[in-house]
Amino acid sequence: MDLPVNRFKRRLLEGRHQTGLWITIPDPTVVEALAGAGYDWITLDTEHTPVEVSSVLPLLQAAAASPVSCVVRPSVNDTALIKRHLDQGAQTILLPFVQSPEEARAAVRAVRYPPEGVRGAGGTVRAAAYGRIADYVARANAEICLILQVETVEALARLEEIAQVPGVDAVFIGPNDLATSMGHPGDPGHPEAQRAVLGAIARMRAIGRPVGVLSTDPAIARACIAAGSAFTAVAVDMGLLIAAAEARLSALRTG
């Protein structure tokens, strides 16, 4: 059995834009249904959801039948936590609240096997097809993709330093937290926050590093894509559910 190719990472390297969907409802049926909706990637979020590590496994399994890439967001930049997500099959990790090159280097070490990192080797884990990929430990580093989330004014000031740490594949701008850090809580569409996001995209393009962003506002998402966002999440599952439910009720009442 061969090591699965990380399609998300390959597309990043090829410079192909990828459109994504944020998953916050921790139910395999929801993930299975949305994984087949045609998005290039989905984020399985454990930072702002009640999802624990063991609960991510059935979500990964539910998405496996569809040609969609799964991005797993752990709750914190912690070596032991990251290892568990990788062992159960996550190939792309999005780490929140990275503030410095030092934290970026710690993240790189966490996702890589020695001598490049400190990831512990477990021979019969799901990532190695339960031991059927005999050379998994020797080859896994090449297919792991590490994305670091920059979401504060302080981190944004060190954006290039963070992005250029060897082993970092991309950065992701967290618009909600960035807007809050800038003094605009709950308003990622604030003009100052939007200028900062578009400026960050331009800075990453200038140094040839991929950058992603989340925006549920179609106009803002299109602007980010036009500016050079390499991977753009354009919707959140819970938001879609609520909007559809309320729109249907409103249509019936007004009709």
Protein backbone atom coordinates (compact mmCIF):
# COMPACT_ATOMS: atom_id res chain seq x y z
CA MET A 1 0.00 0.00 0.00
CA ASP A 2 1.36 3.41 -0.98
CA LEU A 3 1.37 6.67 0.97
CA PRO A 4 -1.64 8.86 0.04
CA VAL A 5 -0.79 12.01 -1.87
CA ASN A 6 -1.72 15.26 -0.11
CA ARG A 7 -3.82 16.87 -2.84
CA PHE A 8 -4.14 20.12 -0.90
CA LYS A 9 -0.36 20.49 -0.64
CA ARG A 10 0.15 19.60 -4.30
CA ARG A 11 -2.31 22.25 -5.42
CA LEU A 12 -0.58 24.83 -3.24
CA LEU A 13 2.72 24.01 -4.91
CA GLU A 14 1.07 24.21 -8.34
CA GLY A 15 -0.42 27.63 -7.55
CA ARG A 16 -4.03 26.48 -8.08
CA HIS A 17 -6.62 28.36 -6.06
CA GLN A 18 -8.69 26.16 -3.70
CA THR A 19 -12.13 27.01 -2.35
CA GLY A 20 -13.02 25.73 1.09
CA LEU A 21 -15.83 25.20 3.59
CA TRP A 22 -15.53 25.43 7.37
CA ILE A 23 -16.95 22.51 9.36
CA THR A 24 -18.07 23.15 12.94
CA ILE A 25 -20.87 20.59 13.31
CA PRO A 26 -19.15 17.49 14.72
CA ASP A 27 -21.31 14.86 13.06
CA PRO A 28 -20.05 12.32 10.49
CA THR A 29 -23.30 12.49 8.49
CA VAL A 30 -22.95 16.27 8.11
CA VAL A 31 -19.31 15.93 7.08
CA GLU A 32 -20.10 13.12 4.65
CA ALA A 33 -22.85 15.17 3.01
CA LEU A 34 -20.83 18.38 2.76
CA ALA A 35 -17.64 16.61 1.66
CA GLY A 36 -19.44 15.75 -1.57
CA ALA A 37 -20.60 19.32 -2.25
CA GLY A 38 -17.68 20.08 -4.58
CA TYR A 39 -15.39 22.18 -2.40
CA ASP A 40 -11.65 21.63 -2.76
CA TRP A 41 -11.08 21.48 1.00
CA ILE A 42 -12.91 21.46 4.29
CA THR A 43 -11.64 22.51 7.69
CA LEU A 44 -12.47 20.21 10.60
CA ASP A 45 -12.36 22.74 13.42
CA THR A 46 -11.59 21.75 17.01
CA GLU A 47 -10.63 25.21 18.28
CA HIS A 48 -14.08 26.80 18.43
CA THR A 49 -16.12 23.59 18.67
CA PRO A 50 -16.63 20.87 21.30
CA VAL A 51 -14.72 18.39 19.10
CA GLU A 52 -12.00 16.38 20.83
CA VAL A 53 -9.20 14.47 19.10
CA SER A 54 -11.03 11.13 19.08
CA SER A 55 -14.10 12.78 17.56
CA VAL A 56 -12.09 13.93 14.53
CA LEU A 57 -11.42 10.35 13.41
CA PRO A 58 -15.01 9.55 12.31
CA LEU A 59 -15.13 12.93 10.55
CA LEU A 60 -12.00 12.07 8.56
CA GLN A 61 -13.51 8.68 7.76
CA ALA A 62 -16.77 10.28 6.66
CA ALA A 63 -14.97 12.59 4.24
CA ALA A 64 -12.69 9.90 2.84
CA ALA A 65 -15.13 8.76 0.14
CA SER A 66 -15.16 12.21 -1.49
CA PRO A 67 -12.35 13.92 -3.42
CA VAL A 68 -12.02 16.71 -0.87
CA SER A 69 -8.97 17.61 1.21
CA CYS A 70 -9.38 17.75 4.98
CA VAL A 71 -7.62 20.47 6.94
CA VAL A 72 -7.64 19.78 10.68
CA ARG A 73 -7.41 22.70 13.09
CA PRO A 74 -6.19 21.60 16.54
CA SER A 75 -7.16 23.72 19.50
CA VAL A 76 -3.60 24.77 20.32
CA ASN A 77 -0.01 24.55 19.08
CA ASP A 78 0.90 21.54 21.23
CA THR A 79 3.29 18.77 20.13
CA ALA A 80 1.43 15.88 21.77
CA LEU A 81 -1.94 17.08 20.47
CA ILE A 82 -0.66 17.56 16.93
CA LYS A 83 0.89 14.08 16.94
CA ARG A 84 -2.46 12.48 17.76
CA HIS A 85 -4.21 14.25 14.89
CA LEU A 86 -1.46 13.22 12.46
CA ASP A 87 -1.48 9.61 13.64
CA GLN A 88 -5.20 9.26 12.96
CA GLY A 89 -4.75 10.43 9.39
CA ALA A 90 -4.69 14.23 9.17
CA GLN A 91 -2.21 15.33 6.50
CA THR A 92 -2.84 19.08 6.65
CA ILE A 93 -2.73 20.90 9.97
CA LEU A 94 -3.89 24.49 10.58
CA LEU A 95 -2.53 25.81 13.86
CA PRO A 96 -4.24 28.82 15.47
CA PHE A 97 -2.67 31.81 17.21
CA VAL A 98 0.93 31.56 16.07
CA GLN A 99 2.64 34.70 17.28
CA SER A 100 6.33 34.33 16.46
CA PRO A 101 8.97 32.53 14.40
CA GLU A 102 9.86 30.58 17.55
CA GLU A 103 6.32 29.22 17.78
CA ALA A 104 6.42 28.48 14.05
CA ARG A 105 9.61 26.45 14.46
CA ALA A 106 8.03 24.49 17.32
CA ALA A 107 5.08 23.70 15.05
CA VAL A 108 7.39 22.46 12.29
CA ARG A 109 9.17 20.16 14.72
CA ALA A 110 5.83 18.80 15.94
CA VAL A 111 4.61 17.72 12.48
CA ARG A 112 7.86 16.15 11.28
CA TYR A 113 9.67 12.95 12.12
CA PRO A 114 13.35 13.11 13.17
CA PRO A 115 15.84 14.35 12.24
CA GLU A 116 13.72 17.31 11.03
CA GLY A 117 11.33 17.16 13.97
CA VAL A 118 10.19 15.37 17.11
CA ARG A 119 7.06 13.50 15.99
CA GLY A 120 6.90 10.12 17.67
CA ALA A 121 6.67 7.04 15.43
CA GLY A 122 3.72 4.67 15.83
CA GLY A 123 3.83 1.82 13.34
CA THR A 124 0.19 0.69 13.33
CA VAL A 125 -1.57 4.07 13.30
CA ARG A 126 -4.31 4.90 10.79
CA ALA A 127 -2.01 7.34 8.98
CA ALA A 128 0.20 4.35 8.08
CA ALA A 129 -2.84 2.29 7.01
CA TYR A 130 -2.47 0.42 10.30
CA GLY A 131 1.06 -0.66 9.39
CA ARG A 132 0.43 -1.52 5.74
CA ILE A 133 2.48 1.46 4.48
CA ALA A 134 5.83 0.00 5.44
CA ASP A 135 7.87 3.13 4.70
CA TYR A 136 5.39 5.61 6.20
CA VAL A 137 7.79 7.11 8.75
CA ALA A 138 10.48 7.56 6.12
CA ARG A 139 8.17 9.33 3.67
CA ALA A 140 5.44 11.03 5.72
CA ASN A 141 7.17 14.40 6.06
CA ALA A 142 6.85 15.03 2.32
CA GLU A 143 3.05 14.78 2.41
CA ILE A 144 2.41 16.73 5.63
CA CYS A 145 1.23 20.29 5.08
CA LEU A 146 1.58 22.88 7.86
CA ILE A 147 -0.47 26.08 7.85
CA LEU A 148 0.02 28.67 10.58
CA GLN A 149 -2.74 31.08 11.53
CA VAL A 150 -1.77 34.72 11.94
CA GLU A 151 -4.57 36.55 13.72
CA THR A 152 -3.24 39.43 15.83
CA VAL A 153 -1.62 42.78 15.17
CA GLU A 154 1.56 41.52 16.85
CA ALA A 155 1.76 38.41 14.66
CA LEU A 156 0.94 40.39 11.53
CA ALA A 157 3.97 42.59 12.20
CA ARG A 158 6.12 39.44 11.98
CA LEU A 159 4.24 37.86 9.09
CA GLU A 160 7.21 37.39 6.77
CA GLU A 161 9.37 35.99 9.55
CA ILE A 162 6.71 33.44 10.46
CA ALA A 163 5.91 32.47 6.87
CA GLN A 164 9.54 31.93 5.90
CA VAL A 165 10.40 29.49 8.69
CA PRO A 166 11.57 26.34 6.88
CA GLY A 167 8.84 23.71 6.94
CA VAL A 168 5.93 26.18 7.00
CA ASP A 169 3.85 25.54 3.89
CA ALA A 170 1.41 28.45 4.14
CA VAL A 171 -0.11 31.02 6.46
CA PHE A 172 -3.77 31.70 7.11
CA ILE A 173 -5.13 35.09 8.10
CA GLY A 174 -7.79 34.84 10.81
CA PRO A 175 -10.06 37.80 9.98
CA ASN A 176 -12.29 37.75 13.06
CA ASP A 177 -9.49 37.65 15.60
CA LEU A 178 -7.41 40.09 13.58
CA ALA A 179 -10.28 42.59 13.50
CA THR A 180 -10.74 42.16 17.25
CA SER A 181 -7.03 42.66 17.82
CA MET A 182 -7.24 45.88 15.81
CA GLY A 183 -10.05 47.21 18.00
CA HIS A 184 -13.00 46.14 15.84
CA PRO A 185 -14.53 43.20 17.74
CA GLY A 186 -17.02 41.17 15.74
CA ASP A 187 -16.45 43.23 12.61
CA PRO A 188 -14.10 41.44 10.18
CA GLY A 189 -15.60 43.55 7.40
CA HIS A 190 -14.33 46.80 8.94
CA PRO A 191 -12.37 48.75 6.30
CA GLU A 192 -9.21 48.82 8.43
CA ALA A 193 -9.37 45.07 8.99
CA GLN A 194 -9.97 44.44 5.31
CA ARG A 195 -7.01 46.60 4.36
CA ALA A 196 -4.88 44.56 6.75
CA VAL A 197 -6.05 41.26 5.24
CA LEU A 198 -5.49 42.40 1.65
CA GLY A 199 -2.16 43.88 2.68
CA ALA A 200 -1.13 40.55 4.21
CA ILE A 201 -2.04 38.75 0.98
CA ALA A 202 0.08 41.22 -0.99
CA ARG A 203 3.00 40.76 1.39
CA MET A 204 2.85 37.00 1.01
CA ARG A 205 2.69 37.23 -2.77
CA ALA A 206 5.74 39.49 -2.69
CA ILE A 207 7.81 36.75 -1.03
CA GLY A 208 6.22 33.90 -2.95
CA ARG A 209 4.47 32.25 0.01
CA PRO A 210 0.88 30.87 -0.11
CA VAL A 211 -1.73 32.55 2.05
CA GLY A 212 -5.33 31.69 2.85
CA VAL A 213 -8.31 33.43 4.42
CA LEU A 214 -11.90 32.86 5.54
CA SER A 215 -14.73 35.19 4.57
CA THR A 216 -18.45 34.42 4.41
CA ASP A 217 -19.02 37.72 2.57
CA PRO A 218 -18.91 36.86 -1.16
CA ALA A 219 -17.65 40.31 -2.12
CA ILE A 220 -14.79 40.15 0.38
CA ALA A 221 -13.97 36.56 -0.62
CA ARG A 222 -13.80 37.57 -4.28
CA ALA A 223 -11.54 40.50 -3.40
CA CYS A 224 -9.20 38.20 -1.48
CA ILE A 225 -9.08 35.74 -4.37
CA ALA A 226 -8.38 38.55 -6.82
CA ALA A 227 -5.60 39.80 -4.53
CA GLY A 228 -3.94 36.38 -4.57
CA SER A 229 -5.38 34.24 -1.79
CA ALA A 230 -4.26 30.68 -2.52
CA PHE A 231 -7.00 28.97 -0.51
CA THR A 232 -10.19 30.72 0.51
CA ALA A 233 -12.92 29.42 2.81
CA VAL A 234 -16.19 31.00 1.77
CA ALA A 235 -18.78 29.51 4.14
CA VAL A 236 -19.31 27.92 7.57
CA ASP A 237 -21.61 24.93 7.87
CA MET A 238 -23.57 26.28 10.85
CA GLY A 239 -24.03 29.63 9.13
CA LEU A 240 -25.37 27.92 6.01
CA LEU A 241 -27.81 25.85 8.07
CA ILE A 242 -29.15 28.81 10.02
CA ALA A 243 -29.42 31.04 6.95
CA ALA A 244 -31.30 28.38 4.97
CA ALA A 245 -33.68 27.62 7.85
CA GLU A 246 -34.48 31.28 8.44
CA ALA A 247 -34.81 32.05 4.73
CA ARG A 248 -37.28 29.20 4.23
CA LEU A 249 -39.41 30.34 7.17
CA SER A 250 -39.31 33.95 6.00
CA ALA A 251 -40.32 32.95 2.47
CA LEU A 252 -43.32 31.00 3.73
CA ARG A 253 -44.47 33.75 6.06
CA THR A 254 -44.13 36.52 3.51
CA GLY A 255 -45.74 34.33 0.83
